[in-house]
């Protein structure tokens, strides 16, 4: 098995580490020269890729790739691998046996706090979610036409070492914005890595929600982190009067509870099934700093 991670950022690096821990050869791309050394230190063979031009080095890595994880977000021109300027994937990836595509639970849109599963009809609200649906379909169609299993991983809100409520509280950026009956799902980044490696190991295809067991109000997560730290949580701020960026406010326009039962039924066990277990481990281990 040779694994290629297109876009070895926060989630992509966690996935690469999960594969590398089983002795697999892993290559990961970044658009930033400053991140090459960090990827190398994580056991990932690093390559530069801006999402457009495929270098000779990347083309060689693609020829060896058996398992591909696509983590680069699409744009208005679609997924980087399916743009008109990109050579046909058949030639780029002749040995491909499995694909993992990282998407988002945002493709479900707003369901008024109701439960959604992989069978729920999609009604994306934001342009970025519309683009994700198009990219999902492009990969699923490619897999169907070439007999390659494609697993679409629809990710909830991502957090983990270096990106969490402890850091926000320490840096003074934590807020407890309260909107009546609003909940969000979330997922620990290490569980994303483990889920991708699990699905690849079983050559599993299809759509999987990668999210914890417990949708919860965001203010509760901040309060729990503050309790563990022994500090006073920031005051609650009504959503209606909160100062927020347009993007941050847009997230509150989608209220749903996302089920992970398909992934569990496939045999995957979450290391961090809810935010309380996860926050406690982050705090007691000291890895919340992410340094």
C-alpha atoms as a PDB file:
ATOM      1  CA  UNK A   1       0.000   0.000   0.000  1.00  0.00           C
ATOM      2  CA  UNK A   2       1.221   3.473  -0.861  1.00  0.00           C
ATOM      3  CA  UNK A   3      -0.932   6.308   0.462  1.00  0.00           C
ATOM      4  CA  UNK A   4      -1.145   9.799  -1.005  1.00  0.00           C
ATOM      5  CA  UNK A   5      -2.807  12.584   0.988  1.00  0.00           C
ATOM      6  CA  UNK A   6      -3.739  15.520  -1.215  1.00  0.00           C
ATOM      7  CA  UNK A   7      -3.831  18.387   1.262  1.00  0.00           C
ATOM      8  CA  UNK A   8      -1.994  17.209   4.384  1.00  0.00           C
ATOM      9  CA  UNK A   9      -3.335  19.961   6.624  1.00  0.00           C
ATOM     10  CA  UNK A  10      -4.802  19.436  10.090  1.00  0.00           C
ATOM     11  CA  UNK A  11      -7.068  16.502   9.178  1.00  0.00           C
ATOM     12  CA  UNK A  12      -4.857  15.230   6.375  1.00  0.00           C
ATOM     13  CA  UNK A  13      -1.845  15.002   8.670  1.00  0.00           C
ATOM     14  CA  UNK A  14      -3.866  13.059  11.254  1.00  0.00           C
ATOM     15  CA  UNK A  15      -4.905  10.638   8.516  1.00  0.00           C
ATOM     16  CA  UNK A  16      -1.322  10.307   7.316  1.00  0.00           C
ATOM     17  CA  UNK A  17      -0.156   9.542  10.868  1.00  0.00           C
ATOM     18  CA  UNK A  18      -2.847   6.867  11.207  1.00  0.00           C
ATOM     19  CA  UNK A  19      -1.629   5.141   8.048  1.00  0.00           C
ATOM     20  CA  UNK A  20       2.049   5.598   8.909  1.00  0.00           C
ATOM     21  CA  UNK A  21       1.503   4.005  12.322  1.00  0.00           C
ATOM     22  CA  UNK A  22       0.650   0.744  10.558  1.00  0.00           C
ATOM     23  CA  UNK A  23       3.884   0.839   8.563  1.00  0.00           C
ATOM     24  CA  UNK A  24       2.406   2.204   5.349  1.00  0.00           C
ATOM     25  CA  UNK A  25       4.344   4.476   2.998  1.00  0.00           C
ATOM     26  CA  UNK A  26       2.681   7.911   3.025  1.00  0.00           C
ATOM     27  CA  UNK A  27       3.169  10.959   0.828  1.00  0.00           C
ATOM     28  CA  UNK A  28       1.409  14.218   1.646  1.00  0.00           C
ATOM     29  CA  UNK A  29       1.093  17.504  -0.189  1.00  0.00           C
ATOM     30  CA  UNK A  30       1.086  21.068   1.055  1.00  0.00           C
ATOM     31  CA  UNK A  31       0.936  24.399  -0.702  1.00  0.00           C
ATOM     32  CA  UNK A  32       3.287  25.942   1.871  1.00  0.00           C
ATOM     33  CA  UNK A  33       7.076  25.431   1.682  1.00  0.00           C
ATOM     34  CA  UNK A  34       7.221  26.301   5.392  1.00  0.00           C
ATOM     35  CA  UNK A  35       5.258  23.134   6.234  1.00  0.00           C
ATOM     36  CA  UNK A  36       7.492  20.662   4.424  1.00  0.00           C
ATOM     37  CA  UNK A  37       9.725  20.053   7.442  1.00  0.00           C
ATOM     38  CA  UNK A  38       6.709  19.552   9.732  1.00  0.00           C
ATOM     39  CA  UNK A  39       5.273  16.866   7.457  1.00  0.00           C
ATOM     40  CA  UNK A  40       8.666  15.174   7.213  1.00  0.00           C
ATOM     41  CA  UNK A  41       8.915  15.096  11.010  1.00  0.00           C
ATOM     42  CA  UNK A  42       5.497  13.415  11.135  1.00  0.00           C
ATOM     43  CA  UNK A  43       6.744  10.553   8.966  1.00  0.00           C
ATOM     44  CA  UNK A  44       5.177  11.891   5.769  1.00  0.00           C
ATOM     45  CA  UNK A  45       7.102  12.301   2.521  1.00  0.00           C
ATOM     46  CA  UNK A  46       6.240  15.924   1.695  1.00  0.00           C
ATOM     47  CA  UNK A  47       5.558  17.424  -1.723  1.00  0.00           C
ATOM     48  CA  UNK A  48       4.442  20.864  -2.816  1.00  0.00           C
ATOM     49  CA  UNK A  49       1.101  21.119  -4.634  1.00  0.00           C
ATOM     50  CA  UNK A  50      -0.935  24.275  -5.073  1.00  0.00           C
ATOM     51  CA  UNK A  51      -3.987  22.444  -6.391  1.00  0.00           C
ATOM     52  CA  UNK A  52      -3.178  23.325  -9.986  1.00  0.00           C
ATOM     53  CA  UNK A  53       0.102  22.259 -11.553  1.00  0.00           C
ATOM     54  CA  UNK A  54       1.181  18.662 -10.974  1.00  0.00           C
ATOM     55  CA  UNK A  55       4.958  18.498 -10.675  1.00  0.00           C
ATOM     56  CA  UNK A  56       7.073  15.625 -11.963  1.00  0.00           C
ATOM     57  CA  UNK A  57       7.628  14.551  -8.333  1.00  0.00           C
ATOM     58  CA  UNK A  58       3.913  14.501  -7.588  1.00  0.00           C
ATOM     59  CA  UNK A  59       3.172  12.679 -10.847  1.00  0.00           C
ATOM     60  CA  UNK A  60       5.665   9.979  -9.822  1.00  0.00           C
ATOM     61  CA  UNK A  61       4.037   9.657  -6.393  1.00  0.00           C
ATOM     62  CA  UNK A  62       0.625   9.385  -8.070  1.00  0.00           C
ATOM     63  CA  UNK A  63       1.822   6.549 -10.289  1.00  0.00           C
ATOM     64  CA  UNK A  64       2.750   4.550  -7.165  1.00  0.00           C
ATOM     65  CA  UNK A  65      -0.397   5.447  -5.214  1.00  0.00           C
ATOM     66  CA  UNK A  66      -2.772   2.659  -4.270  1.00  0.00           C
ATOM     67  CA  UNK A  67      -4.812   4.579  -1.667  1.00  0.00           C
ATOM     68  CA  UNK A  68      -5.704   8.234  -2.151  1.00  0.00           C
ATOM     69  CA  UNK A  69      -7.155  10.676   0.376  1.00  0.00           C
ATOM     70  CA  UNK A  70      -8.415  13.914  -1.161  1.00  0.00           C
ATOM     71  CA  UNK A  71      -8.558  16.675   1.446  1.00  0.00           C
ATOM     72  CA  UNK A  72      -8.237  19.760  -0.770  1.00  0.00           C
ATOM     73  CA  UNK A  73     -11.414  21.822  -0.768  1.00  0.00           C
ATOM     74  CA  UNK A  74     -13.068  22.393  -4.137  1.00  0.00           C
ATOM     75  CA  UNK A  75     -13.646  25.855  -5.494  1.00  0.00           C
ATOM     76  CA  UNK A  76     -15.975  27.309  -8.072  1.00  0.00           C
ATOM     77  CA  UNK A  77     -13.984  25.377 -10.693  1.00  0.00           C
ATOM     78  CA  UNK A  78     -14.676  22.120  -8.881  1.00  0.00           C
ATOM     79  CA  UNK A  79     -12.387  19.525  -7.358  1.00  0.00           C
ATOM     80  CA  UNK A  80      -8.736  19.999  -8.407  1.00  0.00           C
ATOM     81  CA  UNK A  81      -8.582  16.447  -9.758  1.00  0.00           C
ATOM     82  CA  UNK A  82     -11.540  16.949 -12.103  1.00  0.00           C
ATOM     83  CA  UNK A  83     -10.766  20.352 -13.593  1.00  0.00           C
ATOM     84  CA  UNK A  84     -10.386  20.717 -17.339  1.00  0.00           C
ATOM     85  CA  UNK A  85      -6.684  21.452 -16.953  1.00  0.00           C
ATOM     86  CA  UNK A  86      -5.987  18.254 -14.977  1.00  0.00           C
ATOM     87  CA  UNK A  87      -4.874  15.189 -16.958  1.00  0.00           C
ATOM     88  CA  UNK A  88      -7.222  12.152 -16.833  1.00  0.00           C
ATOM     89  CA  UNK A  89      -7.050  10.352 -13.506  1.00  0.00           C
ATOM     90  CA  UNK A  90      -6.710   6.959 -15.207  1.00  0.00           C
ATOM     91  CA  UNK A  91      -3.259   7.967 -16.385  1.00  0.00           C
ATOM     92  CA  UNK A  92      -2.255   9.850 -13.242  1.00  0.00           C
ATOM     93  CA  UNK A  93      -3.282   7.070 -10.833  1.00  0.00           C
ATOM     94  CA  UNK A  94      -2.909   3.751 -12.703  1.00  0.00           C
ATOM     95  CA  UNK A  95      -2.599   1.645  -9.526  1.00  0.00           C
ATOM     96  CA  UNK A  96      -5.410   3.222  -7.526  1.00  0.00           C
ATOM     97  CA  UNK A  97      -7.405   0.773  -5.389  1.00  0.00           C
ATOM     98  CA  UNK A  98      -9.272   3.022  -2.906  1.00  0.00           C
ATOM     99  CA  UNK A  99     -10.223   6.679  -2.479  1.00  0.00           C
ATOM    100  CA  UNK A 100     -11.226   8.600   0.617  1.00  0.00           C
ATOM    101  CA  UNK A 101     -12.845  11.965  -0.033  1.00  0.00           C
ATOM    102  CA  UNK A 102     -13.143  14.409   2.883  1.00  0.00           C
ATOM    103  CA  UNK A 103     -16.456  16.256   2.761  1.00  0.00           C
ATOM    104  CA  UNK A 104     -18.600  17.965   5.397  1.00  0.00           C
ATOM    105  CA  UNK A 105     -21.881  17.456   7.219  1.00  0.00           C
ATOM    106  CA  UNK A 106     -22.712  20.921   5.885  1.00  0.00           C
ATOM    107  CA  UNK A 107     -24.060  19.210   2.746  1.00  0.00           C
ATOM    108  CA  UNK A 108     -27.223  18.317   4.711  1.00  0.00           C
ATOM    109  CA  UNK A 109     -28.141  21.968   5.295  1.00  0.00           C
ATOM    110  CA  UNK A 110     -30.612  22.933   8.015  1.00  0.00           C
ATOM    111  CA  UNK A 111     -32.972  20.377   9.571  1.00  0.00           C
ATOM    112  CA  UNK A 112     -34.297  22.381  12.498  1.00  0.00           C
ATOM    113  CA  UNK A 113     -32.372  20.330  15.033  1.00  0.00           C
ATOM    114  CA  UNK A 114     -33.656  17.009  13.686  1.00  0.00           C
ATOM    115  CA  UNK A 115     -31.566  13.901  13.113  1.00  0.00           C
ATOM    116  CA  UNK A 116     -29.956  13.238   9.723  1.00  0.00           C
ATOM    117  CA  UNK A 117     -28.218  10.167   8.316  1.00  0.00           C
ATOM    118  CA  UNK A 118     -26.440   9.313   5.098  1.00  0.00           C
ATOM    119  CA  UNK A 119     -29.853   8.604   3.575  1.00  0.00           C
ATOM    120  CA  UNK A 120     -31.152  12.124   4.258  1.00  0.00           C
ATOM    121  CA  UNK A 121     -31.687  14.176   1.065  1.00  0.00           C
ATOM    122  CA  UNK A 122     -29.079  16.895   0.687  1.00  0.00           C
ATOM    123  CA  UNK A 123     -30.013  20.562   0.742  1.00  0.00           C
ATOM    124  CA  UNK A 124     -26.768  22.516   1.030  1.00  0.00           C
ATOM    125  CA  UNK A 125     -27.169  26.175   1.921  1.00  0.00           C
ATOM    126  CA  UNK A 126     -23.728  27.735   1.490  1.00  0.00           C
ATOM    127  CA  UNK A 127     -21.770  27.898  -1.756  1.00  0.00           C
ATOM    128  CA  UNK A 128     -18.940  25.919  -0.141  1.00  0.00           C
ATOM    129  CA  UNK A 129     -21.358  23.079   0.680  1.00  0.00           C
ATOM    130  CA  UNK A 130     -22.798  23.130  -2.842  1.00  0.00           C
ATOM    131  CA  UNK A 131     -19.257  22.718  -4.152  1.00  0.00           C
ATOM    132  CA  UNK A 132     -18.703  19.802  -1.758  1.00  0.00           C
ATOM    133  CA  UNK A 133     -21.770  17.985  -3.099  1.00  0.00           C
ATOM    134  CA  UNK A 134     -20.490  18.396  -6.656  1.00  0.00           C
ATOM    135  CA  UNK A 135     -17.072  17.062  -5.660  1.00  0.00           C
ATOM    136  CA  UNK A 136     -18.601  14.116  -3.791  1.00  0.00           C
ATOM    137  CA  UNK A 137     -20.589  13.185  -6.883  1.00  0.00           C
ATOM    138  CA  UNK A 138     -17.539  13.500  -9.143  1.00  0.00           C
ATOM    139  CA  UNK A 139     -15.529  11.080  -6.997  1.00  0.00           C
ATOM    140  CA  UNK A 140     -18.394   8.618  -6.524  1.00  0.00           C
ATOM    141  CA  UNK A 141     -19.026   8.625 -10.271  1.00  0.00           C
ATOM    142  CA  UNK A 142     -15.339   8.090 -11.019  1.00  0.00           C
ATOM    143  CA  UNK A 143     -15.233   5.162  -8.615  1.00  0.00           C
ATOM    144  CA  UNK A 144     -18.367   3.601 -10.090  1.00  0.00           C
ATOM    145  CA  UNK A 145     -17.032   3.871 -13.651  1.00  0.00           C
ATOM    146  CA  UNK A 146     -13.641   2.372 -12.801  1.00  0.00           C
ATOM    147  CA  UNK A 147     -14.592  -0.184 -10.160  1.00  0.00           C
ATOM    148  CA  UNK A 148     -12.728   1.643  -7.390  1.00  0.00           C
ATOM    149  CA  UNK A 149     -14.326   1.920  -3.916  1.00  0.00           C
ATOM    150  CA  UNK A 150     -14.748   5.553  -2.910  1.00  0.00           C
ATOM    151  CA  UNK A 151     -15.521   6.424   0.706  1.00  0.00           C
ATOM    152  CA  UNK A 152     -16.959   9.888   1.259  1.00  0.00           C
ATOM    153  CA  UNK A 153     -16.202  10.989   4.818  1.00  0.00           C
ATOM    154  CA  UNK A 154     -18.644  13.706   5.864  1.00  0.00           C
ATOM    155  CA  UNK A 155     -16.871  15.412   8.736  1.00  0.00           C
ATOM    156  CA  UNK A 156     -18.417  17.332  11.623  1.00  0.00           C
ATOM    157  CA  UNK A 157     -16.696  20.282  13.352  1.00  0.00           C
ATOM    158  CA  UNK A 158     -13.031  19.330  13.729  1.00  0.00           C
ATOM    159  CA  UNK A 159     -10.985  19.873  16.888  1.00  0.00           C
ATOM    160  CA  UNK A 160      -8.084  18.314  18.737  1.00  0.00           C
ATOM    161  CA  UNK A 161      -4.549  19.135  19.865  1.00  0.00           C
ATOM    162  CA  UNK A 162      -3.850  22.796  19.195  1.00  0.00           C
ATOM    163  CA  UNK A 163      -7.432  23.540  18.123  1.00  0.00           C
ATOM    164  CA  UNK A 164      -9.836  23.400  21.032  1.00  0.00           C
ATOM    165  CA  UNK A 165     -11.710  25.299  23.714  1.00  0.00           C
ATOM    166  CA  UNK A 166      -8.706  25.204  26.076  1.00  0.00           C
ATOM    167  CA  UNK A 167      -6.607  27.143  23.595  1.00  0.00           C
ATOM    168  CA  UNK A 168      -9.447  29.596  23.026  1.00  0.00           C
ATOM    169  CA  UNK A 169      -9.903  30.147  26.744  1.00  0.00           C
ATOM    170  CA  UNK A 170      -6.171  30.613  27.256  1.00  0.00           C
ATOM    171  CA  UNK A 171      -5.910  33.064  24.382  1.00  0.00           C
ATOM    172  CA  UNK A 172      -9.017  34.984  25.389  1.00  0.00           C
ATOM    173  CA  UNK A 173     -10.950  34.176  22.211  1.00  0.00           C
ATOM    174  CA  UNK A 174     -13.497  31.741  23.685  1.00  0.00           C
ATOM    175  CA  UNK A 175     -17.134  32.826  23.474  1.00  0.00           C
ATOM    176  CA  UNK A 176     -20.410  31.320  24.585  1.00  0.00           C
ATOM    177  CA  UNK A 177     -22.854  32.386  21.904  1.00  0.00           C
ATOM    178  CA  UNK A 178     -26.303  31.045  22.732  1.00  0.00           C
ATOM    179  CA  UNK A 179     -29.003  30.374  20.154  1.00  0.00           C
ATOM    180  CA  UNK A 180     -32.116  28.583  21.403  1.00  0.00           C
ATOM    181  CA  UNK A 181     -32.075  24.834  20.675  1.00  0.00           C
ATOM    182  CA  UNK A 182     -28.914  25.107  18.521  1.00  0.00           C
ATOM    183  CA  UNK A 183     -26.630  22.075  18.486  1.00  0.00           C
ATOM    184  CA  UNK A 184     -23.538  21.061  16.561  1.00  0.00           C
ATOM    185  CA  UNK A 185     -21.764  17.787  16.006  1.00  0.00           C
ATOM    186  CA  UNK A 186     -18.012  17.650  16.324  1.00  0.00           C
ATOM    187  CA  UNK A 187     -15.207  15.154  15.761  1.00  0.00           C
ATOM    188  CA  UNK A 188     -11.774  14.706  17.289  1.00  0.00           C
ATOM    189  CA  UNK A 189      -9.103  14.860  14.576  1.00  0.00           C
ATOM    190  CA  UNK A 190      -7.479  11.577  15.653  1.00  0.00           C
ATOM    191  CA  UNK A 191     -10.816   9.805  15.091  1.00  0.00           C
ATOM    192  CA  UNK A 192     -10.839  11.173  11.544  1.00  0.00           C
ATOM    193  CA  UNK A 193      -7.449   9.600  10.942  1.00  0.00           C
ATOM    194  CA  UNK A 194      -8.488   6.303  12.492  1.00  0.00           C
ATOM    195  CA  UNK A 195     -11.760   6.217  10.508  1.00  0.00           C
ATOM    196  CA  UNK A 196      -9.977   6.813   7.206  1.00  0.00           C
ATOM    197  CA  UNK A 197      -7.440   4.055   7.909  1.00  0.00           C
ATOM    198  CA  UNK A 198     -10.256   1.710   9.008  1.00  0.00           C
ATOM    199  CA  UNK A 199     -12.279   2.279   5.836  1.00  0.00           C
ATOM    200  CA  UNK A 200      -9.218   1.940   3.614  1.00  0.00           C
ATOM    201  CA  UNK A 201      -8.207  -1.280   5.351  1.00  0.00           C
ATOM    202  CA  UNK A 202     -11.570  -2.785   4.500  1.00  0.00           C
ATOM    203  CA  UNK A 203     -11.706  -1.290   0.994  1.00  0.00           C
ATOM    204  CA  UNK A 204     -15.014   0.241   2.056  1.00  0.00           C
ATOM    205  CA  UNK A 205     -16.913   2.502  -0.300  1.00  0.00           C
ATOM    206  CA  UNK A 206     -19.982   4.679   0.217  1.00  0.00           C
ATOM    207  CA  UNK A 207     -20.893   7.638   2.367  1.00  0.00           C
ATOM    208  CA  UNK A 208     -20.048   7.803   6.065  1.00  0.00           C
ATOM    209  CA  UNK A 209     -20.777  10.492   8.635  1.00  0.00           C
ATOM    210  CA  UNK A 210     -17.642  10.911  10.741  1.00  0.00           C
ATOM    211  CA  UNK A 211     -18.936  12.560  13.871  1.00  0.00           C
ATOM    212  CA  UNK A 212     -19.139  11.920  17.595  1.00  0.00           C
ATOM    213  CA  UNK A 213     -22.181  10.471  19.355  1.00  0.00           C
ATOM    214  CA  UNK A 214     -23.465  13.617  20.995  1.00  0.00           C
ATOM    215  CA  UNK A 215     -24.646  16.765  19.216  1.00  0.00           C
ATOM    216  CA  UNK A 216     -24.446  19.542  21.803  1.00  0.00           C
ATOM    217  CA  UNK A 217     -24.847  23.308  22.209  1.00  0.00           C
ATOM    218  CA  UNK A 218     -21.474  25.003  21.577  1.00  0.00           C
ATOM    219  CA  UNK A 219     -21.665  27.000  24.820  1.00  0.00           C
ATOM    220  CA  UNK A 220     -21.727  23.731  26.790  1.00  0.00           C
ATOM    221  CA  UNK A 221     -18.377  22.683  25.321  1.00  0.00           C
ATOM    222  CA  UNK A 222     -16.749  25.954  26.395  1.00  0.00           C
ATOM    223  CA  UNK A 223     -18.257  25.637  29.873  1.00  0.00           C
ATOM    224  CA  UNK A 224     -16.905  22.090  30.255  1.00  0.00           C
ATOM    225  CA  UNK A 225     -13.419  23.168  29.175  1.00  0.00           C
ATOM    226  CA  UNK A 226     -13.523  26.031  31.668  1.00  0.00           C
ATOM    227  CA  UNK A 227     -14.589  23.622  34.421  1.00  0.00           C
ATOM    228  CA  UNK A 228     -11.657  21.334  33.697  1.00  0.00           C
ATOM    229  CA  UNK A 229      -9.281  24.290  33.708  1.00  0.00           C
ATOM    230  CA  UNK A 230     -10.755  25.672  36.919  1.00  0.00           C
ATOM    231  CA  UNK A 231     -11.524  29.050  35.378  1.00  0.00           C
ATOM    232  CA  UNK A 232     -14.678  31.105  35.025  1.00  0.00           C
ATOM    233  CA  UNK A 233     -16.272  30.626  31.597  1.00  0.00           C
ATOM    234  CA  UNK A 234     -16.993  33.683  29.484  1.00  0.00           C
ATOM    235  CA  UNK A 235     -20.513  35.107  29.825  1.00  0.00           C
ATOM    236  CA  UNK A 236     -23.278  33.852  27.587  1.00  0.00           C
ATOM    237  CA  UNK A 237     -24.035  36.148  24.639  1.00  0.00           C
ATOM    238  CA  UNK A 238     -27.376  35.963  22.797  1.00  0.00           C
ATOM    239  CA  UNK A 239     -26.912  34.983  19.160  1.00  0.00           C
ATOM    240  CA  UNK A 240     -29.127  37.842  18.040  1.00  0.00           C
ATOM    241  CA  UNK A 241     -26.780  40.494  19.467  1.00  0.00           C
ATOM    242  CA  UNK A 242     -23.423  38.702  19.107  1.00  0.00           C
ATOM    243  CA  UNK A 243     -20.777  40.275  16.920  1.00  0.00           C
ATOM    244  CA  UNK A 244     -19.782  37.562  14.452  1.00  0.00           C
ATOM    245  CA  UNK A 245     -18.247  37.268  11.018  1.00  0.00           C
ATOM    246  CA  UNK A 246     -20.641  36.392   8.196  1.00  0.00           C
ATOM    247  CA  UNK A 247     -19.084  32.920   7.946  1.00  0.00           C
ATOM    248  CA  UNK A 248     -19.380  32.247  11.678  1.00  0.00           C
ATOM    249  CA  UNK A 249     -22.991  33.420  11.660  1.00  0.00           C
ATOM    250  CA  UNK A 250     -23.746  31.174   8.681  1.00  0.00           C
ATOM    251  CA  UNK A 251     -22.885  28.065  10.710  1.00  0.00           C
ATOM    252  CA  UNK A 252     -25.697  28.902  13.128  1.00  0.00           C
ATOM    253  CA  UNK A 253     -28.116  28.882  10.199  1.00  0.00           C
ATOM    254  CA  UNK A 254     -27.766  25.084  10.019  1.00  0.00           C
ATOM    255  CA  UNK A 255     -29.138  23.132  12.981  1.00  0.00           C
ATOM    256  CA  UNK A 256     -29.106  19.338  12.900  1.00  0.00           C
ATOM    257  CA  UNK A 257     -28.107  16.201  14.754  1.00  0.00           C
ATOM    258  CA  UNK A 258     -25.913  13.932  12.647  1.00  0.00           C
ATOM    259  CA  UNK A 259     -25.973  10.161  13.149  1.00  0.00           C
ATOM    260  CA  UNK A 260     -22.780   8.084  12.973  1.00  0.00           C
ATOM    261  CA  UNK A 261     -24.548   4.724  13.051  1.00  0.00           C
ATOM    262  CA  UNK A 262     -23.421   3.615   9.590  1.00  0.00           C
ATOM    263  CA  UNK A 263     -19.762   3.937  10.565  1.00  0.00           C
ATOM    264  CA  UNK A 264     -20.367   2.212  13.893  1.00  0.00           C
ATOM    265  CA  UNK A 265     -22.261  -0.609  12.213  1.00  0.00           C
ATOM    266  CA  UNK A 266     -19.295  -1.087   9.888  1.00  0.00           C
ATOM    267  CA  UNK A 267     -17.273  -1.927  13.019  1.00  0.00           C
ATOM    268  CA  UNK A 268     -15.504   1.358  13.803  1.00  0.00           C
ATOM    269  CA  UNK A 269     -15.035   2.347  17.439  1.00  0.00           C
ATOM    270  CA  UNK A 270     -14.517   6.007  18.297  1.00  0.00           C
ATOM    271  CA  UNK A 271     -11.725   6.772  20.737  1.00  0.00           C
ATOM    272  CA  UNK A 272     -13.504  10.025  21.619  1.00  0.00           C
ATOM    273  CA  UNK A 273     -17.272   9.388  21.418  1.00  0.00           C
ATOM    274  CA  UNK A 274     -18.299  12.695  23.021  1.00  0.00           C
ATOM    275  CA  UNK A 275     -16.813  16.064  23.885  1.00  0.00           C
ATOM    276  CA  UNK A 276     -16.570  15.364  27.625  1.00  0.00           C
ATOM    277  CA  UNK A 277     -14.389  12.271  27.174  1.00  0.00           C
ATOM    278  CA  UNK A 278     -12.310  14.084  24.598  1.00  0.00           C
ATOM    279  CA  UNK A 279     -11.806  17.293  26.562  1.00  0.00           C
ATOM    280  CA  UNK A 280     -10.827  15.339  29.670  1.00  0.00           C
ATOM    281  CA  UNK A 281      -8.179  13.443  27.705  1.00  0.00           C
ATOM    282  CA  UNK A 282      -6.864  16.608  26.046  1.00  0.00           C
ATOM    283  CA  UNK A 283      -6.563  18.344  29.405  1.00  0.00           C
ATOM    284  CA  UNK A 284      -5.056  15.554  31.504  1.00  0.00           C
ATOM    285  CA  UNK A 285      -2.576  14.553  28.795  1.00  0.00           C
ATOM    286  CA  UNK A 286      -1.469  18.140  28.196  1.00  0.00           C
ATOM    287  CA  UNK A 287      -1.629  17.712  24.420  1.00  0.00           C
ATOM    288  CA  UNK A 288      -4.329  20.392  24.098  1.00  0.00           C
ATOM    289  CA  UNK A 289      -1.556  22.914  23.426  1.00  0.00           C
ATOM    290  CA  UNK A 290      -0.639  21.083  20.243  1.00  0.00           C
ATOM    291  CA  UNK A 291       3.038  22.011  20.580  1.00  0.00           C
END
